[in-house]
Structures are given as structure tokens and as C-alpha cells.
C-alpha atoms as a PDB file:
ATOM      1  CA  MET A   1      51.921   2.978 146.365  1.00  0.00           C
ATOM      2  CA  PRO A   2      50.191   6.062 147.890  1.00  0.00           C
ATOM      3  CA  GLY A   3      53.216   7.127 149.978  1.00  0.00           C
ATOM      4  CA  ARG A   4      55.276   7.865 146.856  1.00  0.00           C
ATOM      5  CA  GLU A   5      52.427   9.922 145.363  1.00  0.00           C
ATOM      6  CA  VAL A   6      52.071  12.213 148.392  1.00  0.00           C
ATOM      7  CA  LEU A   7      55.753  12.423 149.362  1.00  0.00           C
ATOM      8  CA  PRO A   8      56.403  15.953 150.713  1.00  0.00           C
ATOM      9  CA  SER A   9      58.817  18.126 148.729  1.00  0.00           C
ATOM     10  CA  THR A  10      61.313  18.338 151.608  1.00  0.00           C
ATOM     11  CA  LEU A  11      61.613  14.546 151.512  1.00  0.00           C
ATOM     12  CA  ARG A  12      61.954  14.497 147.723  1.00  0.00           C
ATOM     13  CA  ARG A  13      65.187  16.479 148.264  1.00  0.00           C
ATOM     14  CA  SER A  14      66.373  14.087 150.990  1.00  0.00           C
ATOM     15  CA  PRO A  15      68.290  10.786 151.075  1.00  0.00           C
ATOM     16  CA  ASP A  16      66.586   7.652 149.753  1.00  0.00           C
ATOM     17  CA  LYS A  17      66.433   6.141 153.245  1.00  0.00           C
ATOM     18  CA  ALA A  18      64.398   9.106 154.527  1.00  0.00           C
ATOM     19  CA  GLN A  19      62.025   8.741 151.577  1.00  0.00           C
ATOM     20  CA  ARG A  20      61.638   4.993 152.116  1.00  0.00           C
ATOM     21  CA  THR A  21      61.025   5.495 155.849  1.00  0.00           C
ATOM     22  CA  TRP A  22      58.286   8.039 155.155  1.00  0.00           C
ATOM     23  CA  GLU A  23      56.664   5.972 152.389  1.00  0.00           C
ATOM     24  CA  LYS A  24      56.647   2.694 154.313  1.00  0.00           C
ATOM     25  CA  THR A  25      55.319   4.283 157.504  1.00  0.00           C
ATOM     26  CA  HIS A  26      52.756   6.358 155.606  1.00  0.00           C
ATOM     27  CA  ASP A  27      51.418   3.352 153.715  1.00  0.00           C
ATOM     28  CA  SER A  28      51.152   1.317 156.915  1.00  0.00           C
ATOM     29  CA  ALA A  29      49.416   4.203 158.694  1.00  0.00           C
ATOM     30  CA  VAL A  30      46.942   4.582 155.811  1.00  0.00           C
ATOM     31  CA  GLU A  31      46.001   0.918 156.238  1.00  0.00           C
ATOM     32  CA  THR A  32      45.502   1.474 159.965  1.00  0.00           C
ATOM     33  CA  TYR A  33      44.006   4.993 160.162  1.00  0.00           C
ATOM     34  CA  GLY A  34      42.993   5.844 156.596  1.00  0.00           C
ATOM     35  CA  GLU A  35      44.433   8.575 154.377  1.00  0.00           C
ATOM     36  CA  GLY A  36      44.815  11.957 155.992  1.00  0.00           C
ATOM     37  CA  GLU A  37      46.585  14.021 158.615  1.00  0.00           C
ATOM     38  CA  ARG A  38      47.107  11.172 161.066  1.00  0.00           C
ATOM     39  CA  ALA A  39      48.922   9.051 158.464  1.00  0.00           C
ATOM     40  CA  HIS A  40      51.138  12.020 157.573  1.00  0.00           C
ATOM     41  CA  ARG A  41      51.908  12.803 161.240  1.00  0.00           C
ATOM     42  CA  THR A  42      52.791   9.168 161.837  1.00  0.00           C
ATOM     43  CA  ALA A  43      55.123   9.098 158.818  1.00  0.00           C
ATOM     44  CA  PHE A  44      56.880  12.315 159.850  1.00  0.00           C
ATOM     45  CA  ALA A  45      57.311  10.988 163.390  1.00  0.00           C
ATOM     46  CA  ALA A  46      59.161   7.980 161.978  1.00  0.00           C
ATOM     47  CA  VAL A  47      61.392  10.214 159.844  1.00  0.00           C
ATOM     48  CA  LYS A  48      62.176  12.470 162.824  1.00  0.00           C
ATOM     49  CA  HIS A  49      63.574   9.530 164.802  1.00  0.00           C
ATOM     50  CA  GLU A  50      66.435   9.107 162.317  1.00  0.00           C
ATOM     51  CA  PHE A  51      66.623  12.415 160.439  1.00  0.00           C
ATOM     52  CA  GLU A  52      66.534  16.129 161.175  1.00  0.00           C
ATOM     53  CA  LYS A  53      65.432  18.942 158.925  1.00  0.00           C
ATOM     54  CA  VAL A  54      68.307  21.102 157.731  1.00  0.00           C
ATOM     55  CA  GLY A  55      67.294  23.829 155.332  1.00  0.00           C
ATOM     56  CA  ASP A  56      64.968  22.451 152.665  1.00  0.00           C
ATOM     57  CA  HIS A  57      65.717  18.736 153.206  1.00  0.00           C
ATOM     58  CA  TRP A  58      66.277  16.041 155.841  1.00  0.00           C
ATOM     59  CA  GLU A  59      69.713  14.784 156.938  1.00  0.00           C
ATOM     60  CA  PRO A  60      70.614  11.755 159.083  1.00  0.00           C
ATOM     61  CA  LYS A  61      70.921  12.467 162.810  1.00  0.00           C
ATOM     62  CA  GLY A  62      73.971  11.321 164.707  1.00  0.00           C
ATOM     63  CA  ARG A  63      71.761   9.143 166.904  1.00  0.00           C
ATOM     64  CA  LYS A  64      68.297   7.631 166.729  1.00  0.00           C
ATOM     65  CA  GLY A  65      65.510   8.811 168.971  1.00  0.00           C
ATOM     66  CA  PRO A  66      62.809  11.441 169.403  1.00  0.00           C
ATOM     67  CA  SER A  67      63.640  14.921 168.175  1.00  0.00           C
ATOM     68  CA  ASP A  68      61.694  16.899 170.776  1.00  0.00           C
ATOM     69  CA  ARG A  69      59.407  16.547 173.816  1.00  0.00           C
ATOM     70  CA  GLN A  70      56.287  16.077 171.673  1.00  0.00           C
ATOM     71  CA  ALA A  71      57.891  13.211 169.760  1.00  0.00           C
ATOM     72  CA  ALA A  72      58.990  11.591 173.004  1.00  0.00           C
ATOM     73  CA  GLY A  73      55.492  11.825 174.507  1.00  0.00           C
ATOM     74  CA  GLY A  74      53.484  11.012 171.407  1.00  0.00           C
ATOM     75  CA  GLY A  75      49.775  10.590 171.018  1.00  0.00           C
ATOM     76  CA  PRO A  76      47.288  12.999 169.425  1.00  0.00           C
ATOM     77  CA  GLU A  77      45.701  13.939 172.765  1.00  0.00           C
ATOM     78  CA  ARG A  78      49.051  15.252 174.027  1.00  0.00           C
ATOM     79  CA  ARG A  79      49.315  18.039 171.465  1.00  0.00           C
ATOM     80  CA  ALA A  80      52.307  20.254 172.117  1.00  0.00           C
ATOM     81  CA  PRO A  81      54.418  22.412 169.843  1.00  0.00           C
ATOM     82  CA  THR A  82      57.043  20.522 167.875  1.00  0.00           C
ATOM     83  CA  ALA A  83      60.410  21.805 166.748  1.00  0.00           C
ATOM     84  CA  GLY A  84      59.485  21.378 163.082  1.00  0.00           C
ATOM     85  CA  GLY A  85      62.046  18.687 162.375  1.00  0.00           C
ATOM     86  CA  VAL A  86      64.863  20.349 164.315  1.00  0.00           C
ATOM     87  CA  ASP A  87      66.552  17.872 166.640  1.00  0.00           C
ATOM     88  CA  ALA A  88      65.860  19.845 169.826  1.00  0.00           C
ATOM     89  CA  ASN A  89      67.335  17.015 171.914  1.00  0.00           C
ATOM     90  CA  ALA A  90      70.730  17.381 170.223  1.00  0.00           C
ATOM     91  CA  THR A  91      73.645  19.027 171.962  1.00  0.00           C
ATOM     92  CA  LYS A  92      74.125  22.772 171.760  1.00  0.00           C
ATOM     93  CA  GLU A  93      77.351  22.089 169.854  1.00  0.00           C
ATOM     94  CA  HIS A  94      75.425  20.146 167.201  1.00  0.00           C
ATOM     95  CA  LEU A  95      72.786  22.877 166.957  1.00  0.00           C
ATOM     96  CA  MET A  96      75.555  25.470 166.534  1.00  0.00           C
ATOM     97  CA  GLY A  97      76.913  23.433 163.617  1.00  0.00           C
ATOM     98  CA  VAL A  98      73.491  23.287 161.954  1.00  0.00           C
ATOM     99  CA  ALA A  99      73.007  27.028 162.554  1.00  0.00           C
ATOM    100  CA  ARG A 100      76.429  27.679 161.009  1.00  0.00           C
ATOM    101  CA  LYS A 101      75.494  25.585 157.961  1.00  0.00           C
ATOM    102  CA  LEU A 102      72.293  27.633 157.591  1.00  0.00           C
ATOM    103  CA  ASP A 103      74.155  30.923 158.229  1.00  0.00           C
ATOM    104  CA  VAL A 104      71.978  31.884 161.201  1.00  0.00           C
ATOM    105  CA  ARG A 105      73.061  35.338 162.350  1.00  0.00           C
ATOM    106  CA  GLY A 106      73.827  35.889 166.050  1.00  0.00           C
ATOM    107  CA  ARG A 107      74.054  32.162 166.772  1.00  0.00           C
ATOM    108  CA  SER A 108      77.067  32.491 169.078  1.00  0.00           C
ATOM    109  CA  ARG A 109      75.001  34.474 171.595  1.00  0.00           C
ATOM    110  CA  MET A 110      71.925  32.230 171.468  1.00  0.00           C
ATOM    111  CA  THR A 111      70.726  29.816 174.106  1.00  0.00           C
ATOM    112  CA  LYS A 112      69.839  26.273 173.071  1.00  0.00           C
ATOM    113  CA  PRO A 113      66.067  27.028 172.826  1.00  0.00           C
ATOM    114  CA  GLU A 114      66.831  30.155 170.803  1.00  0.00           C
ATOM    115  CA  LEU A 115      69.000  28.105 168.443  1.00  0.00           C
ATOM    116  CA  VAL A 116      66.184  25.595 167.934  1.00  0.00           C
ATOM    117  CA  LYS A 117      63.741  28.398 167.019  1.00  0.00           C
ATOM    118  CA  ALA A 118      66.268  30.139 164.754  1.00  0.00           C
ATOM    119  CA  ILE A 119      67.059  26.883 162.925  1.00  0.00           C
ATOM    120  CA  GLU A 120      63.353  26.165 162.526  1.00  0.00           C
ATOM    121  CA  LYS A 121      62.844  29.627 160.972  1.00  0.00           C
ATOM    122  CA  ALA A 122      65.846  29.174 158.672  1.00  0.00           C
ATOM    123  CA  ASN A 123      64.530  25.757 157.605  1.00  0.00           C
ATOM    124  CA  ASP A 124      61.121  27.259 156.814  1.00  0.00           C
ATOM    125  CA  ARG A 125      62.735  30.016 154.721  1.00  0.00           C
ATOM    126  CA  SER A 126      64.822  27.462 152.812  1.00  0.00           C
ATOM    127  CA  THR A 127      61.800  25.274 152.151  1.00  0.00           C
ATOM    128  CA  ARG A 128      59.722  28.237 150.910  1.00  0.00           C
ATOM    129  CA  LYS A 129      62.571  29.323 148.643  1.00  0.00           C
ATOM    130  CA  ALA A 130      62.992  25.812 147.203  1.00  0.00           C
ATOM    131  CA  ARG A 131      59.250  25.544 146.536  1.00  0.00           C
ATOM    132  CA  ASP A 132      59.141  28.982 144.894  1.00  0.00           C
ATOM    133  CA  GLU A 133      62.050  28.035 142.606  1.00  0.00           C
ATOM    134  CA  ARG A 134      60.120  24.983 141.395  1.00  0.00           C
ATOM    135  CA  ARG A 135      57.183  27.090 140.194  1.00  0.00           C
END
């Protein structure tokens, strides 16, 4: 099963359902598109519909659906920046809770787009730290 062999580290630290979603979608995409970036993008898109990245792992979202405008639009020809796993379509209240969990400084004065960027940066730092600890 190729999906299990190439499972990203952030998903290895995530719930089993997130791992299964990624693996199943990845394996199906490999059959359709071949191994590579497109299969990985497809698998992450499936994960982002049910999970959001919080720190160095993925957690279930309160609702299913696209996590940002790029995920809602889809398609490789419509390349736009993504929110890196942050559920940018969530309420500001939800984003404040995630920012609190990640100890984002200055969150109470941030706008919703600023919160999304700050959470994305905090997630990236957490992921780098987790990877460095494994070495």
C-alpha cells in the first residue's frame, strides 16, 4: 500500500481517520494520475475537507467542507494560495480558539485573515520542531 509508505509526518501524528482518508485518497489518485505531486495534493484536499492542521498534526473540523477558497474552487489550473491546512472558512471565534491553543501572541487584536496567517505560521513552527525532535 503506497499511501502508508509516503504518509506525511503531520498525518502520522494525527487521528487514524485522517491517516486512512489520506492513504485511501492517495492510493486512488496514484491509480488515476500516477505517483507524484498531484496524488499528494489530491490526498491533502480530501483530508482538509474533514480535518484542520493544528500545530504539528491534524484535528477533526466541526463541519465538513472546503477549508479555504482554493479548496472550494479546485483544479490545478486555478492555482491560488492555500491556508496550509488552516480552516480559513471557520468562524473567527473558532480561529481564536485554535490561536489560543497554539499560544499565538496578539490574537485578540487580529482580524480573521491575520489569525489565519498567524495560525499557519504557528503550525509551521510546530511541525518543524516535531521533525527536528525526531532526528
